PDB file of N, CA and C in Angstrom:
ATOM      1  N   UNK A   1     106.096  88.461  56.826  1.00  0.00           N
ATOM      2  CA  UNK A   1     107.616  88.282  56.824  1.00  0.00           C
ATOM      3  C   UNK A   1     108.267  88.925  57.888  1.00  0.00           C
ATOM      4  N   UNK A   2     109.305  88.500  58.459  1.00  0.00           N
ATOM      5  CA  UNK A   2     110.291  88.969  59.343  1.00  0.00           C
ATOM      6  C   UNK A   2     111.219  90.067  59.384  1.00  0.00           C
ATOM      7  N   UNK A   3     111.353  91.101  60.662  1.00  0.00           N
ATOM      8  CA  UNK A   3     112.173  92.020  59.712  1.00  0.00           C
ATOM      9  C   UNK A   3     113.796  91.514  59.592  1.00  0.00           C
ATOM     10  N   UNK A   4     114.008  90.476  59.779  1.00  0.00           N
ATOM     11  CA  UNK A   4     115.206  89.524  59.555  1.00  0.00           C
ATOM     12  C   UNK A   4     115.240  89.467  57.902  1.00  0.00           C
ATOM     13  N   UNK A   5     114.396  89.091  57.644  1.00  0.00           N
ATOM     14  CA  UNK A   5     114.168  88.731  56.225  1.00  0.00           C
ATOM     15  C   UNK A   5     114.207  90.213  55.063  1.00  0.00           C
ATOM     16  N   UNK A   6     113.869  90.929  55.467  1.00  0.00           N
ATOM     17  CA  UNK A   6     113.618  92.268  54.951  1.00  0.00           C
ATOM     18  C   UNK A   6     114.927  93.222  54.662  1.00  0.00           C
ATOM     19  N   UNK A   7     115.634  93.069  55.402  1.00  0.00           N
ATOM     20  CA  UNK A   7     116.827  94.189  55.739  1.00  0.00           C
ATOM     21  C   UNK A   7     117.643  93.425  54.431  1.00  0.00           C
ATOM     22  N   UNK A   8     118.512  94.561  53.878  1.00  0.00           N
ATOM     23  CA  UNK A   8     119.200  94.408  52.351  1.00  0.00           C
ATOM     24  C   UNK A   8     120.662  94.453  53.283  1.00  0.00           C
ATOM     25  N   UNK A   9     121.426  93.886  52.450  1.00  0.00           N
ATOM     26  CA  UNK A   9     122.899  94.195  53.348  1.00  0.00           C
ATOM     27  C   UNK A   9     123.516  95.544  52.857  1.00  0.00           C
ATOM     28  N   UNK A  10     122.797  96.449  52.415  1.00  0.00           N
ATOM     29  CA  UNK A  10     123.344  97.694  52.374  1.00  0.00           C
ATOM     30  C   UNK A  10     122.427  98.259  53.675  1.00  0.00           C
ATOM     31  N   UNK A  11     121.327  98.163  53.594  1.00  0.00           N
ATOM     32  CA  UNK A  11     120.387  98.962  54.860  1.00  0.00           C
ATOM     33  C   UNK A  11     121.704  98.130  56.240  1.00  0.00           C
ATOM     34  N   UNK A  12     121.848  96.863  56.214  1.00  0.00           N
ATOM     35  CA  UNK A  12     122.265  96.666  57.375  1.00  0.00           C
ATOM     36  C   UNK A  12     124.238  97.117  57.624  1.00  0.00           C
ATOM     37  N   UNK A  13     124.392  97.085  56.640  1.00  0.00           N
ATOM     38  CA  UNK A  13     125.793  97.788  56.602  1.00  0.00           C
ATOM     39  C   UNK A  13     126.049  99.317  57.152  1.00  0.00           C
ATOM     40  N   UNK A  14     124.714  99.910  56.776  1.00  0.00           N
ATOM     41  CA  UNK A  14     124.768 101.498  57.082  1.00  0.00           C
ATOM     42  C   UNK A  14     124.330 101.609  58.593  1.00  0.00           C
ATOM     43  N   UNK A  15     123.498 100.256  58.893  1.00  0.00           N
ATOM     44  CA  UNK A  15     123.123 100.961  60.203  1.00  0.00           C
ATOM     45  C   UNK A  15     124.403 100.005  61.523  1.00  0.00           C
ATOM     46  N   UNK A  16     125.004  99.605  60.948  1.00  0.00           N
ATOM     47  CA  UNK A  16     126.464  98.617  61.712  1.00  0.00           C
ATOM     48  C   UNK A  16     127.238 100.061  61.786  1.00  0.00           C
ATOM     49  N   UNK A  17     127.776 100.883  60.664  1.00  0.00           N
ATOM     50  CA  UNK A  17     128.550 101.649  60.704  1.00  0.00           C
ATOM     51  C   UNK A  17     128.119 103.008  61.396  1.00  0.00           C
ATOM     52  N   UNK A  18     126.693 103.001  61.151  1.00  0.00           N
ATOM     53  CA  UNK A  18     126.095 104.484  62.444  1.00  0.00           C
ATOM     54  C   UNK A  18     126.194 103.705  63.880  1.00  0.00           C
ATOM     55  N   UNK A  19     125.919 102.765  63.995  1.00  0.00           N
ATOM     56  CA  UNK A  19     126.434 102.173  65.685  1.00  0.00           C
ATOM     57  C   UNK A  19     127.905 102.181  65.802  1.00  0.00           C
ATOM     58  N   UNK A  20     128.629 101.991  65.018  1.00  0.00           N
ATOM     59  CA  UNK A  20     130.125 102.329  65.269  1.00  0.00           C
ATOM     60  C   UNK A  20     130.431 103.231  65.449  1.00  0.00           C
ATOM     61  N   UNK A  21     130.038 104.431  64.534  1.00  0.00           N
ATOM     62  CA  UNK A  21     130.024 105.854  64.598  1.00  0.00           C
ATOM     63  C   UNK A  21     129.241 106.490  65.747  1.00  0.00           C
ATOM     64  N   UNK A  22     128.281 105.888  66.625  1.00  0.00           N
ATOM     65  CA  UNK A  22     127.765 106.696  67.653  1.00  0.00           C
ATOM     66  C   UNK A  22     128.621 106.271  68.829  1.00  0.00           C
ATOM     67  N   UNK A  23     129.313 104.937  68.849  1.00  0.00           N
ATOM     68  CA  UNK A  23     130.072 104.920  69.456  1.00  0.00           C
ATOM     69  C   UNK A  23     131.624 105.545  69.968  1.00  0.00           C
ATOM     70  N   UNK A  24     131.786 106.398  68.639  1.00  0.00           N
ATOM     71  CA  UNK A  24     133.197 107.268  68.445  1.00  0.00           C
ATOM     72  C   UNK A  24     134.019 106.338  67.433  1.00  0.00           C
ATOM     73  N   UNK A  25     133.857 105.365  66.911  1.00  0.00           N
ATOM     74  CA  UNK A  25     134.759 105.015  66.145  1.00  0.00           C
ATOM     75  C   UNK A  25     134.928 106.058  64.982  1.00  0.00           C
ATOM     76  N   UNK A  26     135.845 106.037  64.164  1.00  0.00           N
ATOM     77  CA  UNK A  26     136.468 106.806  63.620  1.00  0.00           C
ATOM     78  C   UNK A  26     136.834 106.104  62.121  1.00  0.00           C
ATOM     79  N   UNK A  27     136.676 107.410  61.228  1.00  0.00           N
ATOM     80  CA  UNK A  27     136.759 106.534  59.768  1.00  0.00           C
ATOM     81  C   UNK A  27     135.986 105.776  59.355  1.00  0.00           C
ATOM     82  N   UNK A  28     134.962 106.041  59.909  1.00  0.00           N
ATOM     83  CA  UNK A  28     133.827 104.488  59.548  1.00  0.00           C
ATOM     84  C   UNK A  28     133.482 104.329  58.076  1.00  0.00           C
ATOM     85  N   UNK A  29     133.539 103.547  57.627  1.00  0.00           N
ATOM     86  CA  UNK A  29     133.654 103.305  56.032  1.00  0.00           C
ATOM     87  C   UNK A  29     132.925 102.425  55.673  1.00  0.00           C
ATOM     88  N   UNK A  30     132.159 102.540  54.924  1.00  0.00           N
ATOM     89  CA  UNK A  30     131.675 101.141  53.718  1.00  0.00           C
ATOM     90  C   UNK A  30     132.045 100.502  52.557  1.00  0.00           C
ATOM     91  N   UNK A  31     132.408  99.668  52.550  1.00  0.00           N
ATOM     92  CA  UNK A  31     132.619  98.820  51.257  1.00  0.00           C
ATOM     93  C   UNK A  31     131.865  97.861  50.499  1.00  0.00           C
ATOM     94  N   UNK A  32     131.441  98.394  49.395  1.00  0.00           N
ATOM     95  CA  UNK A  32     130.291  97.625  48.807  1.00  0.00           C
ATOM     96  C   UNK A  32     130.855  96.826  47.972  1.00  0.00           C
ATOM     97  N   UNK A  33     131.410  95.374  48.294  1.00  0.00           N
ATOM     98  CA  UNK A  33     132.405  94.339  47.990  1.00  0.00           C
ATOM     99  C   UNK A  33     131.573  93.662  46.957  1.00  0.00           C
ATOM    100  N   UNK A  34     130.129  93.330  46.892  1.00  0.00           N
ATOM    101  CA  UNK A  34     129.506  92.143  46.642  1.00  0.00           C
ATOM    102  C   UNK A  34     130.350  92.094  45.041  1.00  0.00           C
ATOM    103  N   UNK A  35     130.696  92.760  44.083  1.00  0.00           N
ATOM    104  CA  UNK A  35     130.640  92.457  42.443  1.00  0.00           C
ATOM    105  C   UNK A  35     132.091  91.749  42.794  1.00  0.00           C
ATOM    106  N   UNK A  36     132.933  92.144  43.525  1.00  0.00           N
ATOM    107  CA  UNK A  36     134.072  91.643  43.545  1.00  0.00           C
ATOM    108  C   UNK A  36     134.489  90.407  44.529  1.00  0.00           C
ATOM    109  N   UNK A  37     133.597  89.970  45.204  1.00  0.00           N
ATOM    110  CA  UNK A  37     133.571  88.859  46.528  1.00  0.00           C
ATOM    111  C   UNK A  37     132.613  88.200  46.625  1.00  0.00           C
ATOM    112  N   UNK A  38     133.252  86.901  47.012  1.00  0.00           N
ATOM    113  CA  UNK A  38     131.899  85.771  47.269  1.00  0.00           C
ATOM    114  C   UNK A  38     131.654  85.452  48.565  1.00  0.00           C
ATOM    115  N   UNK A  39     132.544  86.170  49.391  1.00  0.00           N
ATOM    116  CA  UNK A  39     132.625  86.060  50.713  1.00  0.00           C
ATOM    117  C   UNK A  39     131.549  87.076  51.666  1.00  0.00           C
ATOM    118  N   UNK A  40     131.370  88.189  50.859  1.00  0.00           N
ATOM    119  CA  UNK A  40     130.213  89.552  51.699  1.00  0.00           C
ATOM    120  C   UNK A  40     129.840  90.196  50.733  1.00  0.00           C
ATOM    121  N   UNK A  41     128.985  91.051  50.891  1.00  0.00           N
ATOM    122  CA  UNK A  41     128.005  91.980  50.313  1.00  0.00           C
ATOM    123  C   UNK A  41     128.973  93.491  50.517  1.00  0.00           C
ATOM    124  N   UNK A  42     129.114  93.490  51.787  1.00  0.00           N
ATOM    125  CA  UNK A  42     129.696  94.679  52.311  1.00  0.00           C
ATOM    126  C   UNK A  42     130.688  94.766  53.715  1.00  0.00           C
ATOM    127  N   UNK A  43     131.575  95.288  53.488  1.00  0.00           N
ATOM    128  CA  UNK A  43     132.499  95.662  54.858  1.00  0.00           C
ATOM    129  C   UNK A  43     132.130  96.792  55.567  1.00  0.00           C
ATOM    130  N   UNK A  44     132.148  96.601  56.564  1.00  0.00           N
ATOM    131  CA  UNK A  44     131.793  98.152  57.350  1.00  0.00           C
ATOM    132  C   UNK A  44     133.617  97.840  58.338  1.00  0.00           C
ATOM    133  N   UNK A  45     134.273  99.098  57.940  1.00  0.00           N
ATOM    134  CA  UNK A  45     135.295  99.037  58.602  1.00  0.00           C
ATOM    135  C   UNK A  45     135.246 100.269  59.318  1.00  0.00           C
ATOM    136  N   UNK A  46     136.385 100.560  60.428  1.00  0.00           N
ATOM    137  CA  UNK A  46     135.953 101.191  61.811  1.00  0.00           C
ATOM    138  C   UNK A  46     137.431 101.375  62.105  1.00  0.00           C
ATOM    139  N   UNK A  47     137.818 102.677  62.930  1.00  0.00           N
ATOM    140  CA  UNK A  47     139.102 102.555  64.262  1.00  0.00           C
ATOM    141  C   UNK A  47     138.767 102.821  65.245  1.00  0.00           C
ATOM    142  N   UNK A  48     139.263 101.910  65.937  1.00  0.00           N
ATOM    143  CA  UNK A  48     139.061 102.178  67.569  1.00  0.00           C
ATOM    144  C   UNK A  48     140.431 102.586  68.070  1.00  0.00           C
ATOM    145  N   UNK A  49     140.198 103.674  69.151  1.00  0.00           N
ATOM    146  CA  UNK A  49     141.815 104.103  69.650  1.00  0.00           C
ATOM    147  C   UNK A  49     142.174 103.400  70.755  1.00  0.00           C
ATOM    148  N   UNK A  50     141.457 102.353  71.099  1.00  0.00           N
ATOM    149  CA  UNK A  50     142.019 102.012  72.545  1.00  0.00           C
ATOM    150  C   UNK A  50     141.684 100.485  72.770  1.00  0.00           C
ATOM    151  N   UNK A  51     141.855  99.389  73.416  1.00  0.00           N
ATOM    152  CA  UNK A  51     141.456  98.287  73.478  1.00  0.00           C
ATOM    153  C   UNK A  51     139.846  98.045  73.972  1.00  0.00           C
ATOM    154  N   UNK A  52     139.826  99.152  75.564  1.00  0.00           N
ATOM    155  CA  UNK A  52     138.630  99.024  75.693  1.00  0.00           C
ATOM    156  C   UNK A  52     137.452  99.986  74.720  1.00  0.00           C
ATOM    157  N   UNK A  53     137.767 100.257  73.528  1.00  0.00           N
ATOM    158  CA  UNK A  53     137.036 101.035  73.204  1.00  0.00           C
ATOM    159  C   UNK A  53     136.782 100.074  72.037  1.00  0.00           C
ATOM    160  N   UNK A  54     137.637  99.490  71.597  1.00  0.00           N
ATOM    161  CA  UNK A  54     137.363  98.074  70.581  1.00  0.00           C
ATOM    162  C   UNK A  54     136.382  97.480  71.219  1.00  0.00           C
ATOM    163  N   UNK A  55     136.336  97.070  72.156  1.00  0.00           N
ATOM    164  CA  UNK A  55     135.389  96.274  73.061  1.00  0.00           C
ATOM    165  C   UNK A  55     134.252  96.680  72.879  1.00  0.00           C
ATOM    166  N   UNK A  56     133.833  98.114  73.306  1.00  0.00           N
ATOM    167  CA  UNK A  56     132.862  98.745  73.489  1.00  0.00           C
ATOM    168  C   UNK A  56     132.059  99.116  72.346  1.00  0.00           C
ATOM    169  N   UNK A  57     132.937  98.887  70.884  1.00  0.00           N
ATOM    170  CA  UNK A  57     132.261  99.268  69.872  1.00  0.00           C
ATOM    171  C   UNK A  57     131.687  98.282  69.410  1.00  0.00           C
ATOM    172  N   UNK A  58     132.500  97.287  69.403  1.00  0.00           N
ATOM    173  CA  UNK A  58     132.309  95.874  68.702  1.00  0.00           C
ATOM    174  C   UNK A  58     130.687  95.277  69.832  1.00  0.00           C
ATOM    175  N   UNK A  59     130.907  95.635  70.686  1.00  0.00           N
ATOM    176  CA  UNK A  59     129.862  94.780  71.836  1.00  0.00           C
ATOM    177  C   UNK A  59     128.260  95.847  71.093  1.00  0.00           C
ATOM    178  N   UNK A  60     128.500  97.206  71.404  1.00  0.00           N
ATOM    179  CA  UNK A  60     127.224  98.214  70.988  1.00  0.00           C
ATOM    180  C   UNK A  60     126.839  97.096  69.899  1.00  0.00           C
ATOM    181  N   UNK A  61     128.057  97.559  68.884  1.00  0.00           N
ATOM    182  CA  UNK A  61     127.104  96.656  67.600  1.00  0.00           C
ATOM    183  C   UNK A  61     126.491  95.748  67.495  1.00  0.00           C
ATOM    184  N   UNK A  62     126.944  94.613  68.107  1.00  0.00           N
ATOM    185  CA  UNK A  62     126.418  93.146  68.001  1.00  0.00           C
ATOM    186  C   UNK A  62     125.084  93.511  68.959  1.00  0.00           C
ATOM    187  N   UNK A  63     125.067  94.053  70.083  1.00  0.00           N
ATOM    188  CA  UNK A  63     123.936  94.035  70.813  1.00  0.00           C
ATOM    189  C   UNK A  63     122.629  94.942  70.043  1.00  0.00           C
ATOM    190  N   UNK A  64     122.998  96.063  69.130  1.00  0.00           N
ATOM    191  CA  UNK A  64     121.892  96.949  68.421  1.00  0.00           C
ATOM    192  C   UNK A  64     121.343  96.010  67.193  1.00  0.00           C
ATOM    193  N   UNK A  65     122.121  95.412  66.541  1.00  0.00           N
ATOM    194  CA  UNK A  65     122.032  94.418  65.545  1.00  0.00           C
ATOM    195  C   UNK A  65     120.901  93.446  65.923  1.00  0.00           C
ATOM    196  N   UNK A  66     121.249  92.850  67.445  1.00  0.00           N
ATOM    197  CA  UNK A  66     120.415  91.792  67.795  1.00  0.00           C
ATOM    198  C   UNK A  66     118.840  92.166  67.927  1.00  0.00           C
ATOM    199  N   UNK A  67     119.042  93.418  69.032  1.00  0.00           N
ATOM    200  CA  UNK A  67     117.872  94.096  69.278  1.00  0.00           C
ATOM    201  C   UNK A  67     116.605  94.564  68.426  1.00  0.00           C
ATOM    202  N   UNK A  68     117.531  95.321  67.021  1.00  0.00           N
ATOM    203  CA  UNK A  68     116.874  95.564  66.033  1.00  0.00           C
ATOM    204  C   UNK A  68     116.184  94.752  64.875  1.00  0.00           C
ATOM    205  N   UNK A  69     117.137  93.917  64.668  1.00  0.00           N
ATOM    206  CA  UNK A  69     117.016  92.814  63.606  1.00  0.00           C
ATOM    207  C   UNK A  69     116.944  91.590  63.854  1.00  0.00           C
ATOM    208  N   UNK A  70     117.075  91.309  65.098  1.00  0.00           N
ATOM    209  CA  UNK A  70     116.843  89.924  65.747  1.00  0.00           C
ATOM    210  C   UNK A  70     117.909  89.119  64.904  1.00  0.00           C
ATOM    211  N   UNK A  71     119.349  89.296  65.080  1.00  0.00           N
ATOM    212  CA  UNK A  71     120.465  88.829  64.118  1.00  0.00           C
ATOM    213  C   UNK A  71     121.474  88.853  65.001  1.00  0.00           C
ATOM    214  N   UNK A  72     122.073  87.845  65.097  1.00  0.00           N
ATOM    215  CA  UNK A  72     123.447  87.151  65.773  1.00  0.00           C
ATOM    216  C   UNK A  72     124.744  86.729  65.137  1.00  0.00           C
ATOM    217  N   UNK A  73     125.930  87.321  64.855  1.00  0.00           N
ATOM    218  CA  UNK A  73     126.876  87.173  64.226  1.00  0.00           C
ATOM    219  C   UNK A  73     127.326  85.805  64.014  1.00  0.00           C
ATOM    220  N   UNK A  74     127.028  84.872  62.621  1.00  0.00           N
ATOM    221  CA  UNK A  74     127.693  84.127  62.704  1.00  0.00           C
ATOM    222  C   UNK A  74     128.940  83.515  63.125  1.00  0.00           C
ATOM    223  N   UNK A  75     129.776  84.406  63.602  1.00  0.00           N
ATOM    224  CA  UNK A  75     130.766  84.175  63.912  1.00  0.00           C
ATOM    225  C   UNK A  75     131.721  85.292  64.751  1.00  0.00           C
ATOM    226  N   UNK A  76     132.552  85.641  65.629  1.00  0.00           N
ATOM    227  CA  UNK A  76     133.324  86.851  65.813  1.00  0.00           C
ATOM    228  C   UNK A  76     134.917  86.373  66.285  1.00  0.00           C
ATOM    229  N   UNK A  77     136.050  86.932  65.037  1.00  0.00           N
ATOM    230  CA  UNK A  77     136.874  86.876  65.102  1.00  0.00           C
ATOM    231  C   UNK A  77     138.084  87.845  65.664  1.00  0.00           C
ATOM    232  N   UNK A  78     139.488  87.482  65.965  1.00  0.00           N
ATOM    233  CA  UNK A  78     139.764  88.358  66.718  1.00  0.00           C
ATOM    234  C   UNK A  78     139.187  88.594  68.204  1.00  0.00           C
ATOM    235  N   UNK A  79     140.090  89.711  69.233  1.00  0.00           N
ATOM    236  CA  UNK A  79     139.743  90.204  70.296  1.00  0.00           C
ATOM    237  C   UNK A  79     140.750  91.588  70.401  1.00  0.00           C
ATOM    238  N   UNK A  80     139.902  92.285  71.476  1.00  0.00           N
ATOM    239  CA  UNK A  80     140.457  93.559  71.639  1.00  0.00           C
ATOM    240  C   UNK A  80     142.308  93.870  71.456  1.00  0.00           C
ATOM    241  N   UNK A  81     142.842  92.991  72.453  1.00  0.00           N
ATOM    242  CA  UNK A  81     144.167  92.662  72.476  1.00  0.00           C
ATOM    243  C   UNK A  81     144.684  92.354  71.166  1.00  0.00           C
ATOM    244  N   UNK A  82     144.275  91.920  70.521  1.00  0.00           N
ATOM    245  CA  UNK A  82     144.953  91.707  68.784  1.00  0.00           C
ATOM    246  C   UNK A  82     144.708  92.888  67.902  1.00  0.00           C
ATOM    247  N   UNK A  83     143.628  93.892  68.487  1.00  0.00           N
ATOM    248  CA  UNK A  83     143.849  95.437  67.595  1.00  0.00           C
ATOM    249  C   UNK A  83     142.902  95.023  66.159  1.00  0.00           C
ATOM    250  N   UNK A  84     141.945  94.129  66.606  1.00  0.00           N
ATOM    251  CA  UNK A  84     141.192  94.051  65.464  1.00  0.00           C
ATOM    252  C   UNK A  84     140.158  92.901  65.720  1.00  0.00           C
ATOM    253  N   UNK A  85     138.950  93.088  65.365  1.00  0.00           N
ATOM    254  CA  UNK A  85     137.682  92.155  66.029  1.00  0.00           C
ATOM    255  C   UNK A  85     136.761  92.354  64.660  1.00  0.00           C
ATOM    256  N   UNK A  86     136.671  90.954  64.532  1.00  0.00           N
ATOM    257  CA  UNK A  86     135.385  90.820  63.218  1.00  0.00           C
ATOM    258  C   UNK A  86     134.212  90.165  63.341  1.00  0.00           C
ATOM    259  N   UNK A  87     133.016  91.036  63.631  1.00  0.00           N
ATOM    260  CA  UNK A  87     132.208  90.422  63.238  1.00  0.00           C
ATOM    261  C   UNK A  87     131.283  90.149  62.123  1.00  0.00           C
ATOM    262  N   UNK A  88     131.058  88.655  61.854  1.00  0.00           N
ATOM    263  CA  UNK A  88     130.471  88.269  60.771  1.00  0.00           C
ATOM    264  C   UNK A  88     129.133  88.184  60.654  1.00  0.00           C
ATOM    265  N   UNK A  89     128.122  89.004  59.995  1.00  0.00           N
ATOM    266  CA  UNK A  89     126.539  89.114  60.087  1.00  0.00           C
ATOM    267  C   UNK A  89     126.047  87.943  58.577  1.00  0.00           C
ATOM    268  N   UNK A  90     127.339  87.767  57.815  1.00  0.00           N
ATOM    269  CA  UNK A  90     126.617  86.699  56.321  1.00  0.00           C
ATOM    270  C   UNK A  90     127.285  87.802  55.429  1.00  0.00           C
ATOM    271  N   UNK A  91     125.897  88.754  55.383  1.00  0.00           N
ATOM    272  CA  UNK A  91     126.028  89.291  53.924  1.00  0.00           C
ATOM    273  C   UNK A  91     126.930  90.583  53.901  1.00  0.00           C
ATOM    274  N   UNK A  92     127.358  91.140  55.482  1.00  0.00           N
ATOM    275  CA  UNK A  92     128.015  92.136  55.952  1.00  0.00           C
ATOM    276  C   UNK A  92     129.179  91.755  56.919  1.00  0.00           C
ATOM    277  N   UNK A  93     130.597  92.068  56.586  1.00  0.00           N
ATOM    278  CA  UNK A  93     131.573  92.100  57.860  1.00  0.00           C
ATOM    279  C   UNK A  93     131.914  93.112  58.284  1.00  0.00           C
ATOM    280  N   UNK A  94     131.715  93.320  59.617  1.00  0.00           N
ATOM    281  CA  UNK A  94     132.524  94.579  60.526  1.00  0.00           C
ATOM    282  C   UNK A  94     133.766  94.228  60.659  1.00  0.00           C
ATOM    283  N   UNK A  95     134.408  95.587  60.287  1.00  0.00           N
ATOM    284  CA  UNK A  95     135.931  95.123  60.718  1.00  0.00           C
ATOM    285  C   UNK A  95     136.095  96.426  62.052  1.00  0.00           C
ATOM    286  N   UNK A  96     136.541  96.054  63.019  1.00  0.00           N
ATOM    287  CA  UNK A  96     137.003  97.345  63.924  1.00  0.00           C
ATOM    288  C   UNK A  96     138.110  97.086  64.359  1.00  0.00           C
ATOM    289  N   UNK A  97     139.212  97.994  64.444  1.00  0.00           N
ATOM    290  CA  UNK A  97     140.698  97.791  64.047  1.00  0.00           C
ATOM    291  C   UNK A  97     140.957  98.955  64.922  1.00  0.00           C
ATOM    292  N   UNK A  98     142.318  98.958  65.352  1.00  0.00           N
ATOM    293  CA  UNK A  98     143.062  99.818  65.995  1.00  0.00           C
ATOM    294  C   UNK A  98     143.387 100.771  64.364  1.00  0.00           C
ATOM    295  N   UNK A  99     144.136 102.008  64.929  1.00  0.00           N
ATOM    296  CA  UNK A  99     144.759 102.351  63.651  1.00  0.00           C
ATOM    297  C   UNK A  99     146.287 101.503  63.165  1.00  0.00           C
ATOM    298  N   UNK A 100     146.504 101.667  64.071  1.00  0.00           N
ATOM    299  CA  UNK A 100     147.885 100.534  63.264  1.00  0.00           C
ATOM    300  C   UNK A 100     147.794  99.191  62.565  1.00  0.00           C
ATOM    301  N   UNK A 101     146.364  98.470  62.932  1.00  0.00           N
ATOM    302  CA  UNK A 101     146.141  97.234  62.218  1.00  0.00           C
ATOM    303  C   UNK A 101     145.398  97.817  61.023  1.00  0.00           C
ATOM    304  N   UNK A 102     144.245  98.817  60.893  1.00  0.00           N
ATOM    305  CA  UNK A 102     144.322  99.310  60.071  1.00  0.00           C
ATOM    306  C   UNK A 102     145.009  99.690  58.647  1.00  0.00           C
ATOM    307  N   UNK A 103     146.040 100.462  59.050  1.00  0.00           N
ATOM    308  CA  UNK A 103     146.916 100.985  58.367  1.00  0.00           C
ATOM    309  C   UNK A 103     147.933  99.856  57.788  1.00  0.00           C
ATOM    310  N   UNK A 104     148.123  98.814  58.666  1.00  0.00           N
ATOM    311  CA  UNK A 104     149.350  97.765  58.193  1.00  0.00           C
ATOM    312  C   UNK A 104     148.367  96.687  56.903  1.00  0.00           C
ATOM    313  N   UNK A 105     147.138  96.409  57.445  1.00  0.00           N
ATOM    314  CA  UNK A 105     146.228  96.009  56.370  1.00  0.00           C
ATOM    315  C   UNK A 105     145.805  96.168  55.382  1.00  0.00           C
ATOM    316  N   UNK A 106     144.682  97.745  55.550  1.00  0.00           N
ATOM    317  CA  UNK A 106     144.829  98.573  54.142  1.00  0.00           C
ATOM    318  C   UNK A 106     143.711  97.853  53.469  1.00  0.00           C
ATOM    319  N   UNK A 107     142.245  97.479  54.171  1.00  0.00           N
ATOM    320  CA  UNK A 107     141.577  96.835  54.031  1.00  0.00           C
ATOM    321  C   UNK A 107     140.676  97.571  52.046  1.00  0.00           C
ATOM    322  N   UNK A 108     141.259  98.571  52.626  1.00  0.00           N
ATOM    323  CA  UNK A 108     140.284  99.821  51.377  1.00  0.00           C
ATOM    324  C   UNK A 108     141.131  99.427  50.239  1.00  0.00           C
ATOM    325  N   UNK A 109     142.334  99.469  50.341  1.00  0.00           N
ATOM    326  CA  UNK A 109     143.051  99.518  49.255  1.00  0.00           C
ATOM    327  C   UNK A 109     143.200  98.291  48.601  1.00  0.00           C
ATOM    328  N   UNK A 110     143.346  96.985  49.673  1.00  0.00           N
ATOM    329  CA  UNK A 110     143.159  95.604  49.268  1.00  0.00           C
ATOM    330  C   UNK A 110     142.074  95.602  48.282  1.00  0.00           C
ATOM    331  N   UNK A 111     140.572  96.020  48.577  1.00  0.00           N
ATOM    332  CA  UNK A 111     139.682  95.515  48.309  1.00  0.00           C
ATOM    333  C   UNK A 111     139.322  96.524  47.014  1.00  0.00           C
ATOM    334  N   UNK A 112     140.258  97.296  46.673  1.00  0.00           N
ATOM    335  CA  UNK A 112     139.777  98.015  45.226  1.00  0.00           C
ATOM    336  C   UNK A 112     138.711  99.229  45.919  1.00  0.00           C
ATOM    337  N   UNK A 113     138.395  99.950  46.543  1.00  0.00           N
ATOM    338  CA  UNK A 113     137.697 100.537  47.050  1.00  0.00           C
ATOM    339  C   UNK A 113     136.715 101.729  46.034  1.00  0.00           C
ATOM    340  N   UNK A 114     137.501 102.153  45.685  1.00  0.00           N
ATOM    341  CA  UNK A 114     137.370 103.341  44.408  1.00  0.00           C
ATOM    342  C   UNK A 114     135.708 103.636  44.510  1.00  0.00           C
ATOM    343  N   UNK A 115     134.735 103.613  43.790  1.00  0.00           N
ATOM    344  CA  UNK A 115     133.619 104.040  43.744  1.00  0.00           C
ATOM    345  C   UNK A 115     132.782 103.125  44.616  1.00  0.00           C
ATOM    346  N   UNK A 116     133.089 101.821  44.998  1.00  0.00           N
ATOM    347  CA  UNK A 116     132.678 100.825  46.300  1.00  0.00           C
ATOM    348  C   UNK A 116     132.261 101.450  47.733  1.00  0.00           C
ATOM    349  N   UNK A 117     133.200 102.793  47.603  1.00  0.00           N
ATOM    350  CA  UNK A 117     132.951 103.166  49.005  1.00  0.00           C
ATOM    351  C   UNK A 117     132.362 104.120  49.877  1.00  0.00           C
ATOM    352  N   UNK A 118     131.792 103.905  50.840  1.00  0.00           N
ATOM    353  CA  UNK A 118     130.753 105.259  51.060  1.00  0.00           C
ATOM    354  C   UNK A 118     131.710 105.561  52.608  1.00  0.00           C
ATOM    355  N   UNK A 119     131.729 106.783  53.688  1.00  0.00           N
ATOM    356  CA  UNK A 119     132.429 107.304  54.165  1.00  0.00           C
ATOM    357  C   UNK A 119     131.057 107.823  54.980  1.00  0.00           C
ATOM    358  N   UNK A 120     131.013 107.082  56.231  1.00  0.00           N
ATOM    359  CA  UNK A 120     130.187 107.916  57.773  1.00  0.00           C
ATOM    360  C   UNK A 120     130.660 108.674  57.851  1.00  0.00           C
ATOM    361  N   UNK A 121     130.204 110.167  57.697  1.00  0.00           N
ATOM    362  CA  UNK A 121     131.047 111.402  57.933  1.00  0.00           C
ATOM    363  C   UNK A 121     130.598 112.075  59.145  1.00  0.00           C
ATOM    364  N   UNK A 122     129.202 111.692  59.372  1.00  0.00           N
ATOM    365  CA  UNK A 122     128.805 111.966  61.066  1.00  0.00           C
ATOM    366  C   UNK A 122     127.267 111.185  61.272  1.00  0.00           C
ATOM    367  N   UNK A 123     127.188 111.221  62.382  1.00  0.00           N
ATOM    368  CA  UNK A 123     126.184 109.917  63.034  1.00  0.00           C
ATOM    369  C   UNK A 123     124.345 110.273  62.757  1.00  0.00           C
ATOM    370  N   UNK A 124     124.285 109.874  61.631  1.00  0.00           N
ATOM    371  CA  UNK A 124     122.924 110.362  61.717  1.00  0.00           C
ATOM    372  C   UNK A 124     121.778 109.738  62.403  1.00  0.00           C
ATOM    373  N   UNK A 125     120.458 110.443  63.319  1.00  0.00           N
ATOM    374  CA  UNK A 125     119.579 109.804  64.019  1.00  0.00           C
ATOM    375  C   UNK A 125     119.350 108.320  62.992  1.00  0.00           C
ATOM    376  N   UNK A 126     119.464 107.580  63.809  1.00  0.00           N
ATOM    377  CA  UNK A 126     118.645 106.048  63.431  1.00  0.00           C
ATOM    378  C   UNK A 126     117.383 105.741  63.691  1.00  0.00           C
ATOM    379  N   UNK A 127     116.562 105.813  62.515  1.00  0.00           N
ATOM    380  CA  UNK A 127     115.332 106.603  62.615  1.00  0.00           C
ATOM    381  C   UNK A 127     114.604 104.766  63.302  1.00  0.00           C
ATOM    382  N   UNK A 128     114.765 103.726  63.149  1.00  0.00           N
ATOM    383  CA  UNK A 128     114.520 102.099  63.929  1.00  0.00           C
ATOM    384  C   UNK A 128     114.499 102.475  65.319  1.00  0.00           C
ATOM    385  N   UNK A 129     115.033 103.589  65.960  1.00  0.00           N
ATOM    386  CA  UNK A 129     115.501 103.593  67.423  1.00  0.00           C
ATOM    387  C   UNK A 129     114.408 104.256  68.232  1.00  0.00           C
TER     388      UNK A 129
END
């Protein structure tokens, strides 16, 4: 069985969140939306302070997931200039946004985060590295 088949959505979300935090994304959170959404099981949301940082975070997450799990995003939407980049890994959607975009669209509020919210408060050493 390949590594790709073994990873759960929550494990992939946690890995993506830790990668984003490692590149200094702020307020990194995981929303477990599988019970209320048919589009994904988890959202990872993080804030970037600039366009270059937004590019760095999304590029790093994409590379790390590819290297560790042999997964590539099904699609990538947006760009750093727009203030919001979405990496779609199927069961996990990674949203990296500027503070302004994050406040404007309030995904946590929209998806009723409540008990489905996990905040990554510190970068933990990734065991698979």
